[in-house]
């Protein structure tokens, strides 16, 4: 079930290579998703929404390829969010 988060983490790590000034922030968000994917604790919508908000802030500054990769990562996060209860 958490494969979506692992995939999103991998996508962000890939996008970080072409993210210039935002590379560090993308790697941080990638690490957060990786930890959530591997963790035993429940993942809540709020935590994922904060990660997605960070992606939304970065995306306009990226080239088209990196921005598209962030779109893919967001799609994976949304797919995971559909599997959890809450908001």
C-alpha atoms as a PDB file:
ATOM      1  CA  UNK A   1       0.000   0.000   0.000  1.00  0.00           C
ATOM      2  CA  UNK A   2       2.848   2.413   0.713  1.00  0.00           C
ATOM      3  CA  UNK A   3       4.429   1.736  -2.649  1.00  0.00           C
ATOM      4  CA  UNK A   4       2.896   4.995  -3.867  1.00  0.00           C
ATOM      5  CA  UNK A   5       4.890   6.920  -1.269  1.00  0.00           C
ATOM      6  CA  UNK A   6       8.079   5.063  -2.147  1.00  0.00           C
ATOM      7  CA  UNK A   7       7.522   5.835  -5.829  1.00  0.00           C
ATOM      8  CA  UNK A   8       6.857   9.502  -5.039  1.00  0.00           C
ATOM      9  CA  UNK A   9      10.061   9.587  -2.993  1.00  0.00           C
ATOM     10  CA  UNK A  10      12.047   8.150  -5.908  1.00  0.00           C
ATOM     11  CA  UNK A  11      10.509  10.652  -8.322  1.00  0.00           C
ATOM     12  CA  UNK A  12      11.426  13.587  -6.094  1.00  0.00           C
ATOM     13  CA  UNK A  13      14.976  12.319  -5.706  1.00  0.00           C
ATOM     14  CA  UNK A  14      15.191  12.131  -9.489  1.00  0.00           C
ATOM     15  CA  UNK A  15      13.766  15.631  -9.933  1.00  0.00           C
ATOM     16  CA  UNK A  16      16.251  17.008  -7.406  1.00  0.00           C
ATOM     17  CA  UNK A  17      19.065  16.356  -9.878  1.00  0.00           C
ATOM     18  CA  UNK A  18      17.613  19.036 -12.178  1.00  0.00           C
ATOM     19  CA  UNK A  19      16.161  21.377  -9.551  1.00  0.00           C
ATOM     20  CA  UNK A  20      19.017  23.837  -9.116  1.00  0.00           C
ATOM     21  CA  UNK A  21      18.480  25.906  -5.977  1.00  0.00           C
ATOM     22  CA  UNK A  22      15.582  23.679  -4.935  1.00  0.00           C
ATOM     23  CA  UNK A  23      17.538  20.422  -5.005  1.00  0.00           C
ATOM     24  CA  UNK A  24      18.088  20.337  -1.251  1.00  0.00           C
ATOM     25  CA  UNK A  25      14.430  20.946  -0.481  1.00  0.00           C
ATOM     26  CA  UNK A  26      13.330  18.231  -2.923  1.00  0.00           C
ATOM     27  CA  UNK A  27      15.765  15.766  -1.377  1.00  0.00           C
ATOM     28  CA  UNK A  28      14.362  16.628   2.059  1.00  0.00           C
ATOM     29  CA  UNK A  29      10.794  16.027   0.877  1.00  0.00           C
ATOM     30  CA  UNK A  30      11.924  12.823  -0.822  1.00  0.00           C
ATOM     31  CA  UNK A  31      13.485  11.638   2.442  1.00  0.00           C
ATOM     32  CA  UNK A  32      10.279  12.438   4.338  1.00  0.00           C
ATOM     33  CA  UNK A  33       8.217  10.385   1.900  1.00  0.00           C
ATOM     34  CA  UNK A  34      10.754   7.572   2.030  1.00  0.00           C
ATOM     35  CA  UNK A  35      10.511   7.486   5.819  1.00  0.00           C
ATOM     36  CA  UNK A  36       6.720   7.448   5.654  1.00  0.00           C
ATOM     37  CA  UNK A  37       6.815   4.641   3.099  1.00  0.00           C
ATOM     38  CA  UNK A  38       9.040   2.497   5.302  1.00  0.00           C
ATOM     39  CA  UNK A  39       7.558   3.442   8.661  1.00  0.00           C
ATOM     40  CA  UNK A  40       5.174   1.534  10.866  1.00  0.00           C
ATOM     41  CA  UNK A  41       3.186   4.545  12.008  1.00  0.00           C
ATOM     42  CA  UNK A  42      -0.023   5.688  10.381  1.00  0.00           C
ATOM     43  CA  UNK A  43       0.290   8.445   7.809  1.00  0.00           C
ATOM     44  CA  UNK A  44      -2.199  11.279   8.039  1.00  0.00           C
ATOM     45  CA  UNK A  45      -3.572  13.623   5.414  1.00  0.00           C
ATOM     46  CA  UNK A  46      -2.093  16.677   7.124  1.00  0.00           C
ATOM     47  CA  UNK A  47       1.470  15.449   6.817  1.00  0.00           C
ATOM     48  CA  UNK A  48       1.010  14.587   3.161  1.00  0.00           C
ATOM     49  CA  UNK A  49      -0.724  17.903   2.484  1.00  0.00           C
ATOM     50  CA  UNK A  50       2.268  19.773   3.942  1.00  0.00           C
ATOM     51  CA  UNK A  51       4.599  17.837   1.655  1.00  0.00           C
ATOM     52  CA  UNK A  52       2.385  18.574  -1.338  1.00  0.00           C
ATOM     53  CA  UNK A  53       2.252  22.244  -0.378  1.00  0.00           C
ATOM     54  CA  UNK A  54       6.045  22.308  -0.442  1.00  0.00           C
ATOM     55  CA  UNK A  55       5.998  20.764  -3.903  1.00  0.00           C
ATOM     56  CA  UNK A  56       3.487  23.366  -5.076  1.00  0.00           C
ATOM     57  CA  UNK A  57       5.823  26.144  -3.917  1.00  0.00           C
ATOM     58  CA  UNK A  58       8.807  24.703  -5.777  1.00  0.00           C
ATOM     59  CA  UNK A  59       7.169  23.563  -8.999  1.00  0.00           C
ATOM     60  CA  UNK A  60       6.800  26.958 -10.762  1.00  0.00           C
ATOM     61  CA  UNK A  61      10.564  27.498 -10.548  1.00  0.00           C
ATOM     62  CA  UNK A  62      11.478  24.216 -12.235  1.00  0.00           C
ATOM     63  CA  UNK A  63      12.012  23.376 -15.880  1.00  0.00           C
ATOM     64  CA  UNK A  64       9.272  21.477 -17.685  1.00  0.00           C
ATOM     65  CA  UNK A  65      10.773  18.019 -17.162  1.00  0.00           C
ATOM     66  CA  UNK A  66      11.318  18.454 -13.430  1.00  0.00           C
ATOM     67  CA  UNK A  67       7.864  20.030 -13.046  1.00  0.00           C
ATOM     68  CA  UNK A  68       6.322  17.042 -14.818  1.00  0.00           C
ATOM     69  CA  UNK A  69       8.153  14.727 -12.444  1.00  0.00           C
ATOM     70  CA  UNK A  70       6.651  16.630  -9.507  1.00  0.00           C
ATOM     71  CA  UNK A  71       3.226  16.146 -11.093  1.00  0.00           C
ATOM     72  CA  UNK A  72       3.872  12.406 -11.183  1.00  0.00           C
ATOM     73  CA  UNK A  73       4.966  12.436  -7.546  1.00  0.00           C
ATOM     74  CA  UNK A  74       1.825  14.343  -6.582  1.00  0.00           C
ATOM     75  CA  UNK A  75      -0.285  11.772  -8.433  1.00  0.00           C
ATOM     76  CA  UNK A  76       1.370   8.992  -6.401  1.00  0.00           C
ATOM     77  CA  UNK A  77       0.768  10.864  -3.144  1.00  0.00           C
ATOM     78  CA  UNK A  78      -2.874  11.436  -4.091  1.00  0.00           C
ATOM     79  CA  UNK A  79      -3.283   7.759  -4.930  1.00  0.00           C
ATOM     80  CA  UNK A  80      -2.016   6.884  -1.469  1.00  0.00           C
ATOM     81  CA  UNK A  81      -4.224   9.493   0.182  1.00  0.00           C
ATOM     82  CA  UNK A  82      -7.253   7.802  -1.364  1.00  0.00           C
ATOM     83  CA  UNK A  83      -6.440   4.708   0.723  1.00  0.00           C
ATOM     84  CA  UNK A  84      -6.462   6.446   4.105  1.00  0.00           C
ATOM     85  CA  UNK A  85      -9.390   7.629   6.119  1.00  0.00           C
ATOM     86  CA  UNK A  86      -9.939  11.227   7.037  1.00  0.00           C
ATOM     87  CA  UNK A  87     -10.440  14.550   5.344  1.00  0.00           C
END
